[in-house]
Amino acid sequence: MPLDPKANVRDGYLLLTTAARLVQRRHDEALAPLGLTRAAVIALKAVAPRPLNQEQLAAKVRVQAQTLGRVLTRLEAEGLVTRKRNPHDRRQFQVEITGAGEAALTAAHEAESAAVPADFDGWDILRQQLARFVTSLQSPRPGRRVKKASPREGASLQLVGVARREPDQDAPPDRSVEWPRPGDQKGSSQKTS
């Protein structure tokens, strides 16, 4: 009897989310004695190579600037990063890791590595498969709004494909387009503002 593709996807999703939660819990437990959170470590990793402004950093770690601001406030208070006004654009803050931040990041890497079993013999295959999966999720989907450069406006939103999709859970609501709901009366159309 052939496998049900929907059940296969569902079971894979459940395994993936369970594994992610278990790894996150172990990382949380490993980072707690260091006074760090996963969010703090992600921010430190992102600014370790070079200073970034807060908007660049938020985009790099895929969080909203407001959420990142709270993390950076804690990191700055602990002396792990500095935030300085950009001399070329006073509206922006440059975020830079400090020596103490680099030491904390090294300790966090060691704690995270010790938190998961090193003797698991499938790490290479798992890493390759997860990298492919993440890449596939980052591809634009039909109906997804993406920024496209425009000579006149600088950037505008463009729909990719035409299929209806639900909004991302983490994205702010987009009120510019109301898509017809399943079961709407025939002849109702998209409303744009």
Protein backbone atom coordinates (compact mmCIF):
# COMPACT_ATOMS: atom_id res chain seq x y z
CA MET A 1 0.00 0.00 0.00
CA PRO A 2 1.52 3.38 -1.00
CA LEU A 3 2.23 6.00 1.62
CA ASP A 4 -0.27 8.83 2.00
CA PRO A 5 1.69 12.00 1.01
CA LYS A 6 -0.35 14.19 3.37
CA ALA A 7 0.29 11.86 6.32
CA ASN A 8 3.97 11.73 5.39
CA VAL A 9 4.21 15.55 5.40
CA ARG A 10 2.25 15.80 8.65
CA ASP A 11 4.43 13.16 10.36
CA GLY A 12 7.58 14.87 9.08
CA TYR A 13 6.33 18.24 10.35
CA LEU A 14 5.57 16.76 13.78
CA LEU A 15 9.02 15.17 13.98
CA LEU A 16 10.70 18.40 12.88
CA THR A 17 8.84 20.59 15.38
CA THR A 18 9.37 18.07 18.20
CA ALA A 19 13.10 17.91 17.47
CA ALA A 20 13.29 21.72 17.32
CA ARG A 21 11.52 22.09 20.68
CA LEU A 22 13.78 19.50 22.32
CA VAL A 23 16.95 21.16 20.98
CA GLN A 24 15.66 24.61 21.99
CA ARG A 25 14.90 23.36 25.51
CA ARG A 26 18.40 21.92 25.82
CA HIS A 27 19.92 25.16 24.52
CA ASP A 28 17.82 27.21 26.94
CA GLU A 29 19.02 25.04 29.83
CA ALA A 30 22.65 25.31 28.66
CA LEU A 31 22.50 29.10 28.18
CA ALA A 32 20.68 29.93 31.45
CA PRO A 33 23.80 29.65 33.66
CA LEU A 34 25.52 32.11 31.31
CA GLY A 35 22.66 34.61 31.70
CA LEU A 36 21.89 34.37 27.98
CA THR A 37 18.84 33.54 25.90
CA ARG A 38 18.64 32.08 22.41
CA ALA A 39 17.53 35.48 21.12
CA ALA A 40 20.58 37.12 22.67
CA VAL A 41 22.93 34.54 21.15
CA ILE A 42 21.33 34.94 17.72
CA ALA A 43 21.83 38.72 17.92
CA LEU A 44 25.45 38.34 19.09
CA LYS A 45 26.21 35.87 16.27
CA ALA A 46 24.75 38.27 13.72
CA VAL A 47 26.87 41.27 14.77
CA ALA A 48 30.06 39.31 15.51
CA PRO A 49 31.47 39.59 11.95
CA ARG A 50 30.87 43.35 11.66
CA PRO A 51 28.75 46.16 13.11
CA LEU A 52 25.25 46.52 11.65
CA ASN A 53 22.53 49.08 12.07
CA GLN A 54 19.43 47.88 13.90
CA GLU A 55 17.35 47.57 10.72
CA GLN A 56 20.02 45.46 9.01
CA LEU A 57 20.36 43.31 12.11
CA ALA A 58 16.59 42.82 12.40
CA ALA A 59 16.43 41.77 8.74
CA LYS A 60 19.39 39.42 9.15
CA VAL A 61 17.86 37.59 12.12
CA ARG A 62 14.31 37.87 10.71
CA VAL A 63 12.62 39.65 13.60
CA GLN A 64 10.82 42.94 13.92
CA ALA A 65 12.98 45.90 14.93
CA GLN A 66 10.86 46.47 18.07
CA THR A 67 11.49 42.92 19.30
CA LEU A 68 15.19 43.23 18.54
CA GLY A 69 15.35 46.54 20.41
CA ARG A 70 14.37 44.84 23.67
CA VAL A 71 17.06 42.18 23.21
CA LEU A 72 19.67 44.82 22.37
CA THR A 73 18.73 46.88 25.43
CA ARG A 74 19.49 43.87 27.65
CA LEU A 75 22.72 43.07 25.79
CA GLU A 76 23.85 46.69 26.03
CA ALA A 77 23.06 46.84 29.77
CA GLU A 78 25.21 43.73 30.26
CA GLY A 79 28.07 45.26 28.26
CA LEU A 80 27.88 42.67 25.47
CA VAL A 81 27.10 45.14 22.65
CA THR A 82 27.32 48.87 22.10
CA ARG A 83 24.82 50.99 20.21
CA LYS A 84 26.13 54.22 18.76
CA ARG A 85 24.41 56.75 16.53
CA ASN A 86 25.49 56.44 12.93
CA PRO A 87 27.49 59.63 12.16
CA HIS A 88 26.14 59.63 8.58
CA ASP A 89 22.49 59.08 9.56
CA ARG A 90 21.59 60.17 13.10
CA ARG A 91 18.30 58.21 12.95
CA GLN A 92 20.20 54.91 12.93
CA PHE A 93 22.13 53.10 15.62
CA GLN A 94 25.17 50.97 14.79
CA VAL A 95 25.29 47.79 16.88
CA GLU A 96 28.73 46.35 17.63
CA ILE A 97 29.79 43.39 19.73
CA THR A 98 32.18 44.11 22.61
CA GLY A 99 35.05 41.99 23.93
CA ALA A 100 32.75 40.75 26.69
CA GLY A 101 30.15 39.94 24.01
CA GLU A 102 32.68 37.90 22.06
CA ALA A 103 33.62 35.98 25.22
CA ALA A 104 29.92 35.37 25.97
CA LEU A 105 29.36 34.17 22.40
CA THR A 106 32.29 31.73 22.66
CA ALA A 107 30.90 30.38 25.95
CA ALA A 108 27.44 30.12 24.36
CA HIS A 109 28.83 28.14 21.40
CA GLU A 110 30.49 25.71 23.79
CA ALA A 111 27.32 25.38 25.90
CA GLU A 112 25.13 24.84 22.82
CA SER A 113 27.53 22.21 21.44
CA ALA A 114 27.53 20.32 24.75
CA ALA A 115 23.72 20.46 24.91
CA VAL A 116 23.15 18.02 22.04
CA PRO A 117 24.63 14.56 21.54
CA ALA A 118 27.91 14.74 19.62
CA ASP A 119 27.89 11.01 18.90
CA PHE A 120 24.78 11.11 16.68
CA ASP A 121 26.10 9.67 13.41
CA GLY A 122 23.58 11.40 11.14
CA TRP A 123 24.57 15.06 11.71
CA ASP A 124 25.99 15.58 8.21
CA ILE A 125 22.95 14.11 6.43
CA LEU A 126 20.53 15.92 8.76
CA ARG A 127 22.31 19.25 8.23
CA GLN A 128 22.25 18.83 4.44
CA GLN A 129 18.56 17.88 4.40
CA LEU A 130 17.57 20.71 6.73
CA ALA A 131 19.57 23.22 4.66
CA ARG A 132 17.66 22.08 1.54
CA PHE A 133 14.36 22.32 3.41
CA VAL A 134 15.08 25.82 4.75
CA THR A 135 16.14 26.97 1.28
CA SER A 136 12.90 25.65 -0.20
CA LEU A 137 10.89 27.54 2.42
CA GLN A 138 12.71 30.78 1.60
CA SER A 139 11.65 30.69 -2.05
CA PRO A 140 8.77 33.03 -2.91
CA ARG A 141 5.40 31.30 -2.91
CA PRO A 142 2.50 32.12 -5.19
CA GLY A 143 0.53 35.04 -3.80
CA ARG A 144 3.36 36.19 -1.55
CA ARG A 145 4.24 39.88 -1.54
CA VAL A 146 7.89 40.60 -2.25
CA LYS A 147 9.76 43.88 -2.56
CA LYS A 148 10.82 44.78 -6.06
CA ALA A 149 13.03 47.73 -6.92
CA SER A 150 11.27 50.47 -8.82
CA PRO A 151 13.16 53.36 -10.41
CA ARG A 152 10.34 55.78 -9.59
CA GLU A 153 9.44 54.70 -6.04
CA GLY A 154 12.60 52.97 -4.84
CA ALA A 155 10.70 49.83 -3.85
CA SER A 156 7.18 48.58 -4.31
CA LEU A 157 5.28 45.44 -3.46
CA GLN A 158 4.53 42.92 -6.16
CA LEU A 159 2.43 39.76 -6.00
CA VAL A 160 4.25 36.62 -7.08
CA GLY A 161 1.81 34.26 -8.80
CA VAL A 162 -1.90 34.43 -8.23
CA ALA A 163 -2.80 31.74 -5.69
CA ARG A 164 -4.49 32.84 -2.46
CA ARG A 165 -2.57 32.21 0.74
CA GLU A 166 -3.01 32.94 4.39
CA PRO A 167 -0.73 35.62 5.94
CA ASP A 168 2.40 34.60 7.82
CA GLN A 169 1.88 34.27 11.57
CA ASP A 170 4.88 36.49 12.37
CA ALA A 171 4.22 39.14 9.73
CA PRO A 172 2.22 42.25 10.52
CA PRO A 173 -1.25 42.19 8.98
CA ASP A 174 -1.48 43.49 5.44
CA ARG A 175 -4.64 45.50 5.03
CA SER A 176 -4.05 46.57 1.42
CA VAL A 177 -5.74 43.52 -0.14
CA GLU A 178 -8.83 41.61 0.98
CA TRP A 179 -8.84 38.18 -0.61
CA PRO A 180 -12.15 36.42 -1.22
CA ARG A 181 -12.84 33.79 1.42
CA PRO A 182 -13.81 30.27 0.44
CA GLY A 183 -17.58 30.19 0.00
CA ASP A 184 -17.87 33.92 -0.86
CA GLN A 185 -20.57 34.75 -3.38
CA LYS A 186 -19.54 34.28 -6.97
CA GLY A 187 -18.64 37.54 -8.59
CA SER A 188 -17.11 39.16 -5.49
CA SER A 189 -13.68 40.48 -6.30
CA GLN A 190 -10.48 41.53 -4.60
CA LYS A 191 -10.63 44.89 -2.92
CA THR A 192 -7.49 46.99 -2.79
CA SER A 193 -6.92 50.22 -0.97
